[in-house]
Every structure is written in C-alpha cells, then in structure tokens.
PDB file of N, CA and C in Angstrom:
ATOM      1  N   MET A   1    -119.793  26.830  49.108  1.00  0.00           N
ATOM      2  CA  MET A   1    -119.924  26.694  48.547  1.00  0.00           C
ATOM      3  C   MET A   1    -119.785  25.505  48.735  1.00  0.00           C
ATOM      4  N   LEU A   2    -121.592  25.054  49.177  1.00  0.00           N
ATOM      5  CA  LEU A   2    -121.275  24.314  49.366  1.00  0.00           C
ATOM      6  C   LEU A   2    -121.068  22.306  48.867  1.00  0.00           C
ATOM      7  N   LEU A   3    -121.392  22.529  47.500  1.00  0.00           N
ATOM      8  CA  LEU A   3    -121.616  21.132  46.121  1.00  0.00           C
ATOM      9  C   LEU A   3    -119.916  20.670  46.805  1.00  0.00           C
ATOM     10  N   ALA A   4    -118.732  21.561  46.752  1.00  0.00           N
ATOM     11  CA  ALA A   4    -117.493  21.217  47.189  1.00  0.00           C
ATOM     12  C   ALA A   4    -117.042  20.580  48.699  1.00  0.00           C
ATOM     13  N   GLU A   5    -117.825  21.228  49.287  1.00  0.00           N
ATOM     14  CA  GLU A   5    -117.760  20.471  50.575  1.00  0.00           C
ATOM     15  C   GLU A   5    -118.099  18.906  50.888  1.00  0.00           C
ATOM     16  N   GLN A   6    -118.935  18.688  50.562  1.00  0.00           N
ATOM     17  CA  GLN A   6    -119.503  17.016  50.371  1.00  0.00           C
ATOM     18  C   GLN A   6    -118.950  16.366  49.703  1.00  0.00           C
ATOM     19  N   ILE A   7    -118.101  17.072  49.159  1.00  0.00           N
ATOM     20  CA  ILE A   7    -117.741  16.081  47.672  1.00  0.00           C
ATOM     21  C   ILE A   7    -116.362  15.390  48.715  1.00  0.00           C
ATOM     22  N   VAL A   8    -116.632  13.892  48.208  1.00  0.00           N
ATOM     23  CA  VAL A   8    -115.305  13.487  49.071  1.00  0.00           C
ATOM     24  C   VAL A   8    -115.008  12.748  47.858  1.00  0.00           C
ATOM     25  N   TRP A   9    -113.243  12.660  48.064  1.00  0.00           N
ATOM     26  CA  TRP A   9    -112.163  12.457  46.925  1.00  0.00           C
ATOM     27  C   TRP A   9    -111.218  11.727  47.064  1.00  0.00           C
ATOM     28  N   ARG A  10    -111.860  11.130  45.474  1.00  0.00           N
ATOM     29  CA  ARG A  10    -110.940   9.294  45.641  1.00  0.00           C
ATOM     30  C   ARG A  10    -110.001   9.507  44.422  1.00  0.00           C
ATOM     31  N   SER A  11    -109.257   8.188  44.415  1.00  0.00           N
ATOM     32  CA  SER A  11    -107.882   8.040  43.918  1.00  0.00           C
ATOM     33  C   SER A  11    -108.866   7.235  43.076  1.00  0.00           C
ATOM     34  N   PRO A  12    -107.911   7.070  42.047  1.00  0.00           N
ATOM     35  CA  PRO A  12    -108.244   6.166  40.806  1.00  0.00           C
ATOM     36  C   PRO A  12    -108.601   4.484  40.672  1.00  0.00           C
ATOM     37  N   GLU A  13    -108.047   4.815  42.533  1.00  0.00           N
ATOM     38  CA  GLU A  13    -108.458   2.654  42.901  1.00  0.00           C
ATOM     39  C   GLU A  13    -109.709   2.611  44.274  1.00  0.00           C
ATOM     40  N   GLY A  14    -109.806   3.735  44.177  1.00  0.00           N
ATOM     41  CA  GLY A  14    -111.225   4.335  45.208  1.00  0.00           C
ATOM     42  C   GLY A  14    -110.451   5.209  46.420  1.00  0.00           C
ATOM     43  N   LYS A  15    -109.790   5.209  46.217  1.00  0.00           N
ATOM     44  CA  LYS A  15    -109.413   5.210  48.166  1.00  0.00           C
ATOM     45  C   LYS A  15    -109.364   6.649  48.348  1.00  0.00           C
ATOM     46  N   ILE A  16    -109.778   6.972  49.213  1.00  0.00           N
ATOM     47  CA  ILE A  16    -110.589   8.507  49.955  1.00  0.00           C
ATOM     48  C   ILE A  16    -108.646   9.326  49.992  1.00  0.00           C
ATOM     49  N   VAL A  17    -109.078  10.229  49.255  1.00  0.00           N
ATOM     50  CA  VAL A  17    -108.128  11.037  49.551  1.00  0.00           C
ATOM     51  C   VAL A  17    -108.385  12.037  51.051  1.00  0.00           C
ATOM     52  N   ALA A  18    -107.690  11.543  51.683  1.00  0.00           N
ATOM     53  CA  ALA A  18    -108.040  12.214  53.080  1.00  0.00           C
ATOM     54  C   ALA A  18    -106.918  12.808  53.779  1.00  0.00           C
ATOM     55  N   CYS A  19    -105.375  13.321  52.920  1.00  0.00           N
ATOM     56  CA  CYS A  19    -105.253  14.411  53.139  1.00  0.00           C
ATOM     57  C   CYS A  19    -105.630  16.451  53.332  1.00  0.00           C
ATOM     58  N   VAL A  20    -106.396  16.663  54.093  1.00  0.00           N
ATOM     59  CA  VAL A  20    -106.947  18.667  54.484  1.00  0.00           C
ATOM     60  C   VAL A  20    -105.686  19.150  53.586  1.00  0.00           C
ATOM     61  N   GLU A  21    -104.883  19.175  53.457  1.00  0.00           N
ATOM     62  CA  GLU A  21    -104.266  20.345  51.815  1.00  0.00           C
ATOM     63  C   GLU A  21    -104.739  19.357  50.697  1.00  0.00           C
ATOM     64  N   LYS A  22    -104.511  18.589  50.247  1.00  0.00           N
ATOM     65  CA  LYS A  22    -105.261  18.710  48.964  1.00  0.00           C
ATOM     66  C   LYS A  22    -106.289  19.131  48.944  1.00  0.00           C
ATOM     67  N   ASN A  23    -107.124  18.152  50.023  1.00  0.00           N
ATOM     68  CA  ASN A  23    -108.296  18.822  49.339  1.00  0.00           C
ATOM     69  C   ASN A  23    -109.351  20.473  50.030  1.00  0.00           C
ATOM     70  N   LYS A  24    -108.407  21.047  50.662  1.00  0.00           N
ATOM     71  CA  LYS A  24    -107.908  22.463  50.754  1.00  0.00           C
ATOM     72  C   LYS A  24    -108.217  22.793  49.604  1.00  0.00           C
ATOM     73  N   VAL A  25    -106.551  22.028  48.776  1.00  0.00           N
ATOM     74  CA  VAL A  25    -106.478  22.635  47.475  1.00  0.00           C
ATOM     75  C   VAL A  25    -107.596  22.979  46.517  1.00  0.00           C
ATOM     76  N   LEU A  26    -108.063  21.477  46.342  1.00  0.00           N
ATOM     77  CA  LEU A  26    -108.861  21.208  45.442  1.00  0.00           C
ATOM     78  C   LEU A  26    -110.915  22.008  45.881  1.00  0.00           C
ATOM     79  N   GLN A  27    -110.725  22.469  47.038  1.00  0.00           N
ATOM     80  CA  GLN A  27    -112.152  22.736  47.672  1.00  0.00           C
ATOM     81  C   GLN A  27    -111.916  24.623  46.760  1.00  0.00           C
ATOM     82  N   GLU A  28    -111.095  25.090  47.341  1.00  0.00           N
ATOM     83  CA  GLU A  28    -110.495  26.541  46.461  1.00  0.00           C
ATOM     84  C   GLU A  28    -110.047  26.598  45.425  1.00  0.00           C
ATOM     85  N   ASN A  29    -109.760  24.850  45.035  1.00  0.00           N
ATOM     86  CA  ASN A  29    -109.543  25.540  42.908  1.00  0.00           C
ATOM     87  C   ASN A  29    -111.482  25.065  42.221  1.00  0.00           C
ATOM     88  N   LEU A  30    -111.923  24.040  43.167  1.00  0.00           N
ATOM     89  CA  LEU A  30    -113.434  24.197  42.909  1.00  0.00           C
ATOM     90  C   LEU A  30    -114.214  25.960  42.729  1.00  0.00           C
ATOM     91  N   ALA A  31    -113.508  26.508  44.316  1.00  0.00           N
ATOM     92  CA  ALA A  31    -114.291  27.546  44.266  1.00  0.00           C
ATOM     93  C   ALA A  31    -114.113  28.552  43.402  1.00  0.00           C
ATOM     94  N   GLU A  32    -112.650  28.875  43.020  1.00  0.00           N
ATOM     95  CA  GLU A  32    -112.038  29.520  41.561  1.00  0.00           C
ATOM     96  C   GLU A  32    -112.934  29.231  40.505  1.00  0.00           C
ATOM     97  N   ILE A  33    -113.205  28.250  40.101  1.00  0.00           N
ATOM     98  CA  ILE A  33    -113.829  28.023  38.296  1.00  0.00           C
ATOM     99  C   ILE A  33    -114.820  28.037  38.932  1.00  0.00           C
ATOM    100  N   ARG A  34    -115.559  28.265  40.360  1.00  0.00           N
ATOM    101  CA  ARG A  34    -117.577  28.715  39.910  1.00  0.00           C
ATOM    102  C   ARG A  34    -117.551  29.888  39.165  1.00  0.00           C
ATOM    103  N   GLN A  35    -116.747  30.855  40.105  1.00  0.00           N
ATOM    104  CA  GLN A  35    -116.413  32.275  40.404  1.00  0.00           C
ATOM    105  C   GLN A  35    -115.734  32.723  38.579  1.00  0.00           C
ATOM    106  N   VAL A  36    -115.383  32.405  38.139  1.00  0.00           N
ATOM    107  CA  VAL A  36    -114.765  32.440  36.724  1.00  0.00           C
ATOM    108  C   VAL A  36    -116.273  31.936  35.858  1.00  0.00           C
ATOM    109  N   CYS A  37    -116.432  31.210  36.097  1.00  0.00           N
ATOM    110  CA  CYS A  37    -117.750  29.989  35.165  1.00  0.00           C
ATOM    111  C   CYS A  37    -118.979  31.517  35.494  1.00  0.00           C
ATOM    112  N   GLN A  38    -119.053  31.971  36.509  1.00  0.00           N
ATOM    113  CA  GLN A  38    -120.826  32.148  37.429  1.00  0.00           C
ATOM    114  C   GLN A  38    -120.204  34.091  35.929  1.00  0.00           C
ATOM    115  N   ASP A  39    -119.400  33.789  36.417  1.00  0.00           N
ATOM    116  CA  ASP A  39    -118.643  35.391  35.599  1.00  0.00           C
ATOM    117  C   ASP A  39    -119.169  35.593  34.085  1.00  0.00           C
ATOM    118  N   ALA A  40    -118.901  34.010  32.971  1.00  0.00           N
ATOM    119  CA  ALA A  40    -118.533  33.896  31.594  1.00  0.00           C
ATOM    120  C   ALA A  40    -120.050  34.108  31.639  1.00  0.00           C
ATOM    121  N   LEU A  41    -121.016  33.530  32.374  1.00  0.00           N
ATOM    122  CA  LEU A  41    -121.998  33.097  32.105  1.00  0.00           C
ATOM    123  C   LEU A  41    -122.802  34.307  32.436  1.00  0.00           C
ATOM    124  N   GLU A  42    -122.664  35.443  33.280  1.00  0.00           N
ATOM    125  CA  GLU A  42    -123.505  36.831  33.129  1.00  0.00           C
ATOM    126  C   GLU A  42    -122.831  37.438  31.696  1.00  0.00           C
ATOM    127  N   ASP A  43    -121.857  37.836  31.827  1.00  0.00           N
ATOM    128  CA  ASP A  43    -121.983  38.147  30.562  1.00  0.00           C
ATOM    129  C   ASP A  43    -121.831  37.656  28.906  1.00  0.00           C
ATOM    130  N   ALA A  44    -122.112  36.546  28.942  1.00  0.00           N
ATOM    131  CA  ALA A  44    -122.662  36.154  28.130  1.00  0.00           C
ATOM    132  C   ALA A  44    -124.580  36.166  27.830  1.00  0.00           C
ATOM    133  N   VAL A  45    -124.858  36.293  29.247  1.00  0.00           N
ATOM    134  CA  VAL A  45    -126.342  36.400  28.974  1.00  0.00           C
ATOM    135  C   VAL A  45    -126.606  37.737  29.002  1.00  0.00           C
ATOM    136  N   LEU A  46    -125.293  38.935  29.594  1.00  0.00           N
ATOM    137  CA  LEU A  46    -125.849  40.320  29.043  1.00  0.00           C
ATOM    138  C   LEU A  46    -125.572  40.863  28.148  1.00  0.00           C
ATOM    139  N   MET A  47    -124.651  39.679  26.974  1.00  0.00           N
ATOM    140  CA  MET A  47    -124.858  40.039  25.547  1.00  0.00           C
ATOM    141  C   MET A  47    -125.915  40.240  24.549  1.00  0.00           C
ATOM    142  N   GLY A  48    -126.604  39.386  25.210  1.00  0.00           N
ATOM    143  CA  GLY A  48    -127.459  38.799  24.314  1.00  0.00           C
ATOM    144  C   GLY A  48    -127.969  36.677  24.242  1.00  0.00           C
ATOM    145  N   CYS A  49    -126.879  36.383  24.479  1.00  0.00           N
ATOM    146  CA  CYS A  49    -126.603  35.250  24.503  1.00  0.00           C
ATOM    147  C   CYS A  49    -127.584  34.484  25.163  1.00  0.00           C
ATOM    148  N   ASP A  50    -127.875  33.409  24.692  1.00  0.00           N
ATOM    149  CA  ASP A  50    -129.286  32.230  24.940  1.00  0.00           C
ATOM    150  C   ASP A  50    -127.907  31.275  26.467  1.00  0.00           C
ATOM    151  N   GLU A  51    -128.638  31.487  27.537  1.00  0.00           N
ATOM    152  CA  GLU A  51    -128.139  31.207  28.247  1.00  0.00           C
ATOM    153  C   GLU A  51    -127.785  29.619  28.374  1.00  0.00           C
ATOM    154  N   GLN A  52    -128.534  28.820  27.987  1.00  0.00           N
ATOM    155  CA  GLN A  52    -129.046  27.265  28.334  1.00  0.00           C
ATOM    156  C   GLN A  52    -128.005  26.948  26.937  1.00  0.00           C
ATOM    157  N   GLN A  53    -127.400  27.473  25.685  1.00  0.00           N
ATOM    158  CA  GLN A  53    -126.630  27.264  24.797  1.00  0.00           C
ATOM    159  C   GLN A  53    -125.068  27.268  25.280  1.00  0.00           C
ATOM    160  N   PHE A  54    -125.208  28.449  26.116  1.00  0.00           N
ATOM    161  CA  PHE A  54    -123.880  28.470  27.104  1.00  0.00           C
ATOM    162  C   PHE A  54    -123.630  27.681  28.272  1.00  0.00           C
ATOM    163  N   ARG A  55    -124.564  27.343  29.007  1.00  0.00           N
ATOM    164  CA  ARG A  55    -124.499  26.374  29.909  1.00  0.00           C
ATOM    165  C   ARG A  55    -124.214  25.311  29.182  1.00  0.00           C
ATOM    166  N   THR A  56    -124.626  24.010  27.754  1.00  0.00           N
ATOM    167  CA  THR A  56    -123.679  23.966  26.975  1.00  0.00           C
ATOM    168  C   THR A  56    -122.551  23.693  26.365  1.00  0.00           C
ATOM    169  N   VAL A  57    -122.335  25.366  26.510  1.00  0.00           N
ATOM    170  CA  VAL A  57    -120.151  24.991  25.431  1.00  0.00           C
ATOM    171  C   VAL A  57    -119.728  24.655  26.708  1.00  0.00           C
ATOM    172  N   LEU A  58    -120.303  25.382  27.944  1.00  0.00           N
ATOM    173  CA  LEU A  58    -119.614  24.924  28.909  1.00  0.00           C
ATOM    174  C   LEU A  58    -119.295  23.504  29.045  1.00  0.00           C
ATOM    175  N   SER A  59    -120.268  23.148  29.521  1.00  0.00           N
ATOM    176  CA  SER A  59    -120.284  21.574  29.437  1.00  0.00           C
ATOM    177  C   SER A  59    -119.351  20.628  28.825  1.00  0.00           C
ATOM    178  N   GLU A  60    -119.214  20.555  27.366  1.00  0.00           N
ATOM    179  CA  GLU A  60    -118.896  20.736  26.511  1.00  0.00           C
ATOM    180  C   GLU A  60    -117.235  20.674  26.030  1.00  0.00           C
ATOM    181  N   LEU A  61    -116.626  22.087  27.311  1.00  0.00           N
ATOM    182  CA  LEU A  61    -115.425  22.372  27.031  1.00  0.00           C
ATOM    183  C   LEU A  61    -115.440  21.394  28.615  1.00  0.00           C
ATOM    184  N   ALA A  62    -115.622  21.467  29.222  1.00  0.00           N
ATOM    185  CA  ALA A  62    -115.161  20.307  30.684  1.00  0.00           C
ATOM    186  C   ALA A  62    -115.347  18.815  29.701  1.00  0.00           C
ATOM    187  N   ASP A  63    -115.924  18.548  29.193  1.00  0.00           N
ATOM    188  CA  ASP A  63    -115.299  16.865  28.412  1.00  0.00           C
ATOM    189  C   ASP A  63    -114.260  17.262  28.317  1.00  0.00           C
ATOM    190  N   THR A  64    -113.987  18.373  27.230  1.00  0.00           N
ATOM    191  CA  THR A  64    -112.347  18.319  26.454  1.00  0.00           C
ATOM    192  C   THR A  64    -111.315  18.055  27.325  1.00  0.00           C
ATOM    193  N   LEU A  65    -111.372  18.758  28.860  1.00  0.00           N
ATOM    194  CA  LEU A  65    -109.872  18.540  29.455  1.00  0.00           C
ATOM    195  C   LEU A  65    -109.923  17.660  29.020  1.00  0.00           C
ATOM    196  N   ALA A  66    -108.217  17.337  28.833  1.00  0.00           N
ATOM    197  CA  ALA A  66    -107.271  16.827  28.937  1.00  0.00           C
ATOM    198  C   ALA A  66    -106.240  16.287  30.424  1.00  0.00           C
ATOM    199  N   SER A  67    -105.537  15.198  30.144  1.00  0.00           N
ATOM    200  CA  SER A  67    -104.824  15.542  31.859  1.00  0.00           C
ATOM    201  C   SER A  67    -103.293  14.926  31.610  1.00  0.00           C
ATOM    202  N   PRO A  68    -102.819  15.812  31.096  1.00  0.00           N
ATOM    203  CA  PRO A  68    -101.224  15.741  30.466  1.00  0.00           C
ATOM    204  C   PRO A  68    -100.124  14.860  31.268  1.00  0.00           C
ATOM    205  N   TYR A  69    -100.959  14.100  31.938  1.00  0.00           N
ATOM    206  CA  TYR A  69    -100.055  13.014  32.792  1.00  0.00           C
ATOM    207  C   TYR A  69    -100.920  11.245  32.631  1.00  0.00           C
ATOM    208  N   PRO A  70    -100.067  10.204  32.407  1.00  0.00           N
ATOM    209  CA  PRO A  70     -99.863   9.517  31.872  1.00  0.00           C
ATOM    210  C   PRO A  70    -101.468   8.752  33.148  1.00  0.00           C
ATOM    211  N   PRO A  71    -101.959   7.543  32.578  1.00  0.00           N
ATOM    212  CA  PRO A  71    -102.955   6.607  33.291  1.00  0.00           C
ATOM    213  C   PRO A  71    -102.130   6.218  34.789  1.00  0.00           C
ATOM    214  N   ARG A  72    -102.363   5.956  36.014  1.00  0.00           N
ATOM    215  CA  ARG A  72    -102.238   4.953  36.678  1.00  0.00           C
ATOM    216  C   ARG A  72    -102.162   3.530  36.891  1.00  0.00           C
ATOM    217  N   GLU A  73    -101.511   2.523  36.468  1.00  0.00           N
ATOM    218  CA  GLU A  73    -102.053   1.409  36.746  1.00  0.00           C
ATOM    219  C   GLU A  73    -102.354   1.204  38.112  1.00  0.00           C
TER     220      GLU A  73
END
C-alpha cells in the first residue's frame, strides 16, 4: 500500500510520530482496513449496488467514527 508508506503521522501538536513500531502498526492497520473495504465494495457491486453510493456510505461511516479517548490539551 503505497499511500500508507508515504504518510507522515503527526501528533495533535504537529510533531512527527517517529517510533518505528507505532508507524508499523498504523501501516498494518490501514492495510487491513483497505482490504476489508475492498472486499465490501466488491460484494456490494456483485450484489447490484451502485459503486458510487457505496463509496459515499463508506466515507460517511469514516466521518462518524469517534475516539473513546479525551482530547489532548
């Protein structure tokens, strides 16, 4: 996944997250999410759903995610 390899992760304060292990976990998480989303997209299209509608729903789903952690100050 080339996009994930190019991402420079930053803290809320804008500092670069330089820990190799943290970056590895983030990259692996994105690869897993991408694969699940790809599989779901393929299922939706095979079942006759509109691809663009599915993409819109997926984007809206991402927008509704909430962190269980309090904001850092």
